[in-house]
Amino acid sequence: MHPNLVDQLRTFLAVAEAGTFSGAAETLGRAVSAVSYAVTNLEEAYGLKLFDRSGYKPQLTEEGRALLSDAEIVFRRLDRLNARVAAMTEGEDVDLPLAVDAGFSPKLLAASVAALLGESPHVNLRIRMMHEGRILDEVLSGRARIGIVSLEAGLSGKQVDGRDLATHEMHTVTAPDHPLATFNAPFPLSALDDHRQIVVAGADAAAHGFDYRVHTTDVLIVDNAALKLELLKQGAGWAFALDHEVEGALAEGSLRSLACSAVQHAGLHRFGAIWRVTTPPGPAATRLLDLISEEAGKAEKARHSAAS
């Protein structure tokens, strides 16, 4: 690549945006002759005529319009490169791998990530959704800078710090034709134990037992929420489910929320962020966590408004 190519492309862009060589010269703080010379050299280097100079103002040729689109992409990438270098110099997170509990709301996470990338497009995010049992190891090993985990089952590990992030509403649900759905009044906890519970769990969790959220030995274990949802609709059992997992099914009537006297309604399921004590979140990671908290606050406010 010719050492002056970047400068020539920048000059070409300035002329295209200003509409005149004199306007580009004013923008760039150069003489008009220097601007014209740079564009001419670019045309000669590529063997293309980029501007039609026969009229009062230079007009982009067909080749010029095609090159303009590519030049704009080049400078967007250069701007991102410069921002990334500046961020690294200032100690900001540039590469930000996340390990996220599979139960966390994808909609909430996506809204927060999109907002962060709008503010800091140089950040390289890598997001993996996984069972909660794996997240602590991902963080401690350094494979994830930040983990988003359920706080309901508790965490072990003295090497991590963290913060609260969000709460999701929890439902006890089953199909409308399931025996549990026939109760007209709140039923006792023992009634749940008489029916199969559907649980999402990773292989490690299944091998080492469950936490208090599993109520019976008659358990159907699956490894993803989508299958759990379909099994629930088919009447294969009951389950605890987060609001974002079942809101559509509840609205359409393919699932029903159960009234168990021993289960608080609406129960709230808490999520938090964790990181290694030795590598606290930098500006970009902190901003992402703030955005998640803000989005979660909006969702909670909407939930309260709908309930009132």
Protein backbone atom coordinates (compact mmCIF):
# COMPACT_ATOMS: atom_id res chain seq x y z
CA MET A 1 0.00 0.00 0.00
CA HIS A 2 1.29 3.45 -0.91
CA PRO A 3 2.23 5.38 2.28
CA ASN A 4 0.08 8.32 1.20
CA LEU A 5 -3.00 6.24 0.39
CA VAL A 6 -4.77 6.91 3.70
CA ASP A 7 -4.24 10.64 3.32
CA GLN A 8 -5.41 10.53 -0.28
CA LEU A 9 -8.55 8.60 0.65
CA ARG A 10 -9.26 11.05 3.47
CA THR A 11 -8.93 13.94 1.01
CA PHE A 12 -11.20 12.16 -1.48
CA LEU A 13 -13.83 11.72 1.25
CA ALA A 14 -13.56 15.39 2.22
CA VAL A 15 -14.18 16.50 -1.38
CA ALA A 16 -17.12 14.13 -1.75
CA GLU A 17 -18.68 15.40 1.50
CA ALA A 18 -17.99 19.12 0.88
CA GLY A 19 -18.97 19.02 -2.79
CA THR A 20 -16.06 21.26 -3.81
CA PHE A 21 -12.28 21.21 -3.66
CA SER A 22 -12.27 24.55 -1.88
CA GLY A 23 -14.72 23.28 0.73
CA ALA A 24 -12.57 20.22 1.34
CA ALA A 25 -9.48 22.42 1.60
CA GLU A 26 -11.19 24.51 4.28
CA THR A 27 -12.23 21.39 6.20
CA LEU A 28 -8.74 19.90 6.05
CA GLY A 29 -6.89 23.17 6.59
CA ARG A 30 -4.96 22.81 3.34
CA ALA A 31 -4.48 24.71 0.12
CA VAL A 32 -6.90 23.92 -2.71
CA SER A 33 -3.95 22.90 -4.91
CA ALA A 34 -2.84 20.33 -2.29
CA VAL A 35 -6.33 18.83 -2.21
CA SER A 36 -6.52 18.63 -5.99
CA TYR A 37 -3.05 17.10 -6.14
CA ALA A 38 -3.94 14.37 -3.62
CA VAL A 39 -7.11 13.40 -5.52
CA THR A 40 -5.27 13.37 -8.86
CA ASN A 41 -2.60 11.08 -7.42
CA LEU A 42 -5.28 8.75 -6.08
CA GLU A 43 -6.94 8.62 -9.50
CA GLU A 44 -3.62 7.86 -11.17
CA ALA A 45 -2.76 5.17 -8.61
CA TYR A 46 -6.03 3.33 -9.25
CA GLY A 47 -6.36 4.22 -12.92
CA LEU A 48 -9.85 5.58 -12.29
CA LYS A 49 -11.57 8.91 -12.82
CA LEU A 50 -13.27 9.66 -9.50
CA PHE A 51 -14.70 13.12 -10.21
CA ASP A 52 -16.16 14.72 -13.32
CA ARG A 53 -14.64 18.21 -13.23
CA SER A 54 -16.36 19.51 -16.37
CA GLY A 55 -19.10 21.37 -14.49
CA TYR A 56 -19.22 24.14 -11.89
CA LYS A 57 -18.78 21.62 -9.09
CA PRO A 58 -16.98 18.28 -9.23
CA GLN A 59 -19.40 15.36 -9.51
CA LEU A 60 -18.63 11.83 -8.42
CA THR A 61 -18.36 9.40 -11.31
CA GLU A 62 -19.81 5.89 -11.11
CA GLU A 63 -16.34 4.63 -10.10
CA GLY A 64 -16.08 7.45 -7.55
CA ARG A 65 -19.37 6.48 -5.91
CA ALA A 66 -18.25 2.85 -5.67
CA LEU A 67 -14.91 3.84 -4.12
CA LEU A 68 -16.64 6.24 -1.73
CA SER A 69 -18.54 3.40 -0.07
CA ASP A 70 -15.35 1.38 0.40
CA ALA A 71 -13.44 4.41 1.68
CA GLU A 72 -16.12 5.09 4.29
CA ILE A 73 -15.80 1.48 5.52
CA VAL A 74 -12.00 1.84 5.71
CA PHE A 75 -12.26 4.94 7.88
CA ARG A 76 -14.89 3.45 10.14
CA ARG A 77 -12.47 0.60 10.77
CA LEU A 78 -9.61 3.05 11.29
CA ASP A 79 -11.70 5.01 13.78
CA ARG A 80 -12.48 1.77 15.62
CA LEU A 81 -8.79 0.82 15.59
CA ASN A 82 -7.80 4.20 17.03
CA ALA A 83 -10.50 3.95 19.70
CA ARG A 84 -9.33 0.45 20.63
CA VAL A 85 -5.70 1.55 20.90
CA ALA A 86 -6.72 4.51 23.05
CA ALA A 87 -8.81 2.25 25.26
CA MET A 88 -5.94 -0.19 25.73
CA THR A 89 -3.61 2.68 26.58
CA GLU A 90 -6.05 3.88 29.23
CA GLY A 91 -6.52 0.37 30.64
CA GLU A 92 -10.09 -0.03 29.38
CA ASP A 93 -11.69 -3.41 28.58
CA VAL A 94 -11.27 -4.09 24.88
CA ASP A 95 -11.76 -7.84 24.85
CA LEU A 96 -14.73 -8.64 27.10
CA PRO A 97 -15.73 -12.33 27.31
CA LEU A 98 -18.91 -12.99 29.28
CA ALA A 99 -20.31 -16.21 30.76
CA VAL A 100 -24.05 -15.80 31.30
CA ASP A 101 -26.53 -18.03 33.13
CA ALA A 102 -28.79 -19.68 30.55
CA GLY A 103 -31.79 -18.54 32.60
CA PHE A 104 -30.96 -14.85 32.29
CA SER A 105 -33.29 -12.85 30.06
CA PRO A 106 -31.87 -12.72 26.49
CA LYS A 107 -33.99 -9.64 25.78
CA LEU A 108 -32.55 -7.76 28.76
CA LEU A 109 -29.01 -8.79 27.89
CA ALA A 110 -29.39 -7.91 24.21
CA ALA A 111 -30.77 -4.43 24.94
CA SER A 112 -27.86 -3.70 27.28
CA VAL A 113 -25.22 -5.04 24.89
CA ALA A 114 -26.65 -3.04 21.99
CA ALA A 115 -26.56 0.14 24.09
CA LEU A 116 -22.93 -0.50 25.09
CA LEU A 117 -21.82 -1.13 21.50
CA GLY A 118 -23.58 2.06 20.44
CA GLU A 119 -21.44 3.97 22.93
CA SER A 120 -18.22 1.94 22.59
CA PRO A 121 -18.10 0.12 19.23
CA HIS A 122 -14.42 -0.79 19.77
CA VAL A 123 -15.29 -3.27 22.54
CA ASN A 124 -14.99 -6.89 21.43
CA LEU A 125 -17.74 -8.80 23.26
CA ARG A 126 -17.92 -12.60 23.37
CA ILE A 127 -21.03 -13.96 25.09
CA ARG A 128 -21.64 -17.59 26.02
CA MET A 129 -24.86 -18.74 27.67
CA MET A 130 -24.37 -21.78 29.93
CA HIS A 131 -25.64 -23.62 32.98
CA GLU A 132 -24.96 -21.76 36.22
CA GLY A 133 -22.73 -24.54 37.57
CA ARG A 134 -20.01 -23.76 35.02
CA ILE A 135 -19.84 -20.00 35.38
CA LEU A 136 -17.68 -19.74 38.50
CA ASP A 137 -15.02 -21.93 36.90
CA GLU A 138 -15.15 -19.85 33.72
CA VAL A 139 -14.49 -16.69 35.73
CA LEU A 140 -11.78 -18.17 37.96
CA SER A 141 -9.96 -19.66 34.96
CA GLY A 142 -9.98 -16.31 33.15
CA ARG A 143 -11.99 -17.64 30.22
CA ALA A 144 -14.68 -15.13 31.19
CA ARG A 145 -13.97 -11.66 32.49
CA ILE A 146 -17.49 -11.30 33.90
CA GLY A 147 -20.00 -13.95 34.92
CA ILE A 148 -23.74 -13.32 35.23
CA VAL A 149 -25.11 -15.87 37.68
CA SER A 150 -28.18 -16.86 39.64
CA LEU A 151 -27.88 -15.80 43.27
CA GLU A 152 -30.59 -18.16 44.49
CA ALA A 153 -28.48 -21.29 44.85
CA GLY A 154 -25.57 -19.51 46.52
CA LEU A 155 -21.96 -19.16 45.40
CA SER A 156 -18.81 -20.73 46.72
CA GLY A 157 -15.47 -19.10 46.05
CA LYS A 158 -13.42 -16.60 48.01
CA GLN A 159 -11.65 -15.32 44.92
CA VAL A 160 -14.58 -13.40 43.46
CA ASP A 161 -16.32 -10.10 44.01
CA GLY A 162 -19.67 -9.14 42.59
CA ARG A 163 -22.79 -7.01 42.54
CA ASP A 164 -26.55 -7.39 42.19
CA LEU A 165 -27.86 -6.89 38.68
CA ALA A 166 -31.48 -7.84 38.15
CA THR A 167 -34.50 -9.73 39.37
CA HIS A 168 -36.76 -11.90 37.23
CA GLU A 169 -40.26 -12.89 38.23
CA MET A 170 -40.63 -16.61 38.93
CA HIS A 171 -43.74 -18.65 38.11
CA THR A 172 -44.82 -22.18 38.97
CA VAL A 173 -46.36 -23.47 35.75
CA THR A 174 -47.88 -26.48 34.02
CA ALA A 175 -50.22 -27.25 31.13
CA PRO A 176 -53.92 -26.35 31.54
CA ASP A 177 -54.94 -30.03 31.43
CA HIS A 178 -52.36 -31.17 34.02
CA PRO A 179 -53.86 -32.45 37.33
CA LEU A 180 -52.20 -29.58 39.27
CA ALA A 181 -54.08 -27.08 37.11
CA THR A 182 -57.42 -28.39 38.35
CA PHE A 183 -57.00 -26.92 41.87
CA ASN A 184 -59.35 -23.97 42.32
CA ALA A 185 -57.61 -22.73 45.47
CA PRO A 186 -53.96 -22.54 46.60
CA PHE A 187 -52.75 -26.07 47.26
CA PRO A 188 -50.10 -27.31 49.73
CA LEU A 189 -46.46 -27.92 48.84
CA SER A 190 -46.98 -31.67 49.22
CA ALA A 191 -49.15 -31.62 46.09
CA LEU A 192 -46.13 -30.67 44.01
CA ASP A 193 -44.25 -33.69 45.32
CA ASP A 194 -46.90 -35.97 43.83
CA HIS A 195 -46.05 -34.89 40.27
CA ARG A 196 -42.97 -34.82 38.07
CA GLN A 197 -40.89 -31.65 38.11
CA ILE A 198 -39.07 -30.59 34.94
CA VAL A 199 -35.64 -29.12 35.66
CA VAL A 200 -32.98 -27.57 33.45
CA ALA A 201 -29.58 -28.71 34.66
CA GLY A 202 -26.12 -29.32 33.30
CA ALA A 203 -24.43 -32.70 33.56
CA ASP A 204 -22.37 -31.64 36.58
CA ALA A 205 -25.43 -30.47 38.51
CA ALA A 206 -27.28 -33.68 37.74
CA ALA A 207 -24.36 -35.72 39.02
CA HIS A 208 -23.89 -33.82 42.29
CA GLY A 209 -27.46 -33.24 43.40
CA PHE A 210 -29.74 -30.22 43.29
CA ASP A 211 -30.46 -27.17 45.39
CA TYR A 212 -33.70 -26.32 47.19
CA ARG A 213 -35.47 -25.44 43.96
CA VAL A 214 -35.92 -29.16 43.25
CA HIS A 215 -38.83 -30.47 45.30
CA THR A 216 -39.15 -34.14 44.48
CA THR A 217 -37.22 -37.23 43.49
CA ASP A 218 -39.48 -37.61 40.45
CA VAL A 219 -37.52 -35.26 38.20
CA LEU A 220 -37.22 -34.95 34.44
CA ILE A 221 -33.85 -33.38 33.64
CA VAL A 222 -33.26 -31.46 30.40
CA ASP A 223 -30.36 -29.30 29.34
CA ASN A 224 -32.16 -26.34 27.79
CA ALA A 225 -35.13 -24.10 28.49
CA ALA A 226 -36.72 -24.53 25.06
CA LEU A 227 -37.20 -28.27 25.58
CA LYS A 228 -38.50 -27.67 29.10
CA LEU A 229 -41.11 -25.30 27.68
CA GLU A 230 -42.31 -27.80 25.08
CA LEU A 231 -42.50 -30.60 27.65
CA LEU A 232 -44.55 -28.36 29.93
CA LYS A 233 -46.98 -27.59 27.11
CA GLN A 234 -47.39 -31.32 26.52
CA GLY A 235 -48.34 -31.87 30.17
CA ALA A 236 -45.20 -33.87 31.04
CA GLY A 237 -44.85 -32.15 34.42
CA TRP A 238 -44.62 -28.84 36.26
CA ALA A 239 -41.72 -26.44 36.67
CA PHE A 240 -40.45 -23.23 38.14
CA ALA A 241 -39.91 -20.87 35.21
CA LEU A 242 -38.74 -17.30 34.79
CA ASP A 243 -41.08 -14.69 33.37
CA HIS A 244 -39.28 -14.28 30.03
CA GLU A 245 -39.33 -18.05 29.49
CA VAL A 246 -43.10 -18.46 29.78
CA GLU A 247 -44.74 -15.06 29.26
CA GLY A 248 -45.81 -15.95 25.72
CA ALA A 249 -47.16 -19.36 26.72
CA LEU A 250 -49.08 -17.87 29.66
CA ALA A 251 -50.55 -15.16 27.41
CA GLU A 252 -51.71 -17.68 24.78
CA GLY A 253 -53.04 -20.10 27.39
CA SER A 254 -50.77 -23.05 26.58
CA LEU A 255 -49.41 -22.84 30.14
CA ARG A 256 -51.07 -21.94 33.42
CA SER A 257 -49.55 -20.34 36.52
CA LEU A 258 -50.15 -22.45 39.63
CA ALA A 259 -51.18 -21.22 43.07
CA CYS A 260 -49.19 -23.13 45.68
CA SER A 261 -49.68 -21.81 49.22
CA ALA A 262 -46.05 -22.50 50.12
CA VAL A 263 -44.56 -20.69 47.10
CA GLN A 264 -44.54 -16.92 47.20
CA HIS A 265 -46.21 -15.27 44.19
CA ALA A 266 -44.82 -13.55 42.40
CA GLY A 267 -41.48 -14.96 43.46
CA LEU A 268 -38.39 -13.03 42.44
CA HIS A 269 -35.24 -14.68 41.16
CA ARG A 270 -32.08 -12.64 41.65
CA PHE A 271 -29.11 -12.46 39.30
CA GLY A 272 -25.73 -10.87 39.89
CA ALA A 273 -22.37 -10.30 38.24
CA ILE A 274 -19.13 -11.85 39.48
CA TRP A 275 -15.46 -11.32 38.61
CA ARG A 276 -12.08 -12.28 39.98
CA VAL A 277 -10.89 -10.07 42.82
CA THR A 278 -7.59 -9.57 40.98
CA THR A 279 -9.27 -8.38 37.74
CA PRO A 280 -12.13 -6.02 38.60
CA PRO A 281 -14.28 -4.73 35.75
CA GLY A 282 -12.87 -1.82 33.78
CA PRO A 283 -14.88 1.09 32.34
CA ALA A 284 -16.58 -0.88 29.52
CA ALA A 285 -17.52 -3.83 31.74
CA THR A 286 -18.76 -1.48 34.47
CA ARG A 287 -20.83 0.40 31.92
CA LEU A 288 -22.37 -2.84 30.65
CA LEU A 289 -23.33 -3.90 34.17
CA ASP A 290 -24.83 -0.45 34.81
CA LEU A 291 -26.85 -0.73 31.59
CA ILE A 292 -28.15 -4.15 32.62
CA SER A 293 -29.21 -2.76 36.00
CA GLU A 294 -30.92 0.18 34.28
CA GLU A 295 -32.79 -2.09 31.86
CA ALA A 296 -33.77 -4.40 34.71
CA GLY A 297 -35.09 -1.40 36.65
CA LYS A 298 -37.26 -0.40 33.69
CA ALA A 299 -38.63 -3.94 33.43
CA GLU A 300 -39.40 -4.07 37.14
CA LYS A 301 -41.15 -0.71 37.00
CA ALA A 302 -43.27 -1.93 34.08
CA ARG A 303 -44.09 -5.11 36.00
CA HIS A 304 -45.29 -3.11 39.03
CA SER A 305 -47.35 -0.82 36.78
CA ALA A 306 -49.04 -3.81 35.15
CA ALA A 307 -49.81 -5.37 38.53
CA SER A 308 -51.36 -2.19 39.96
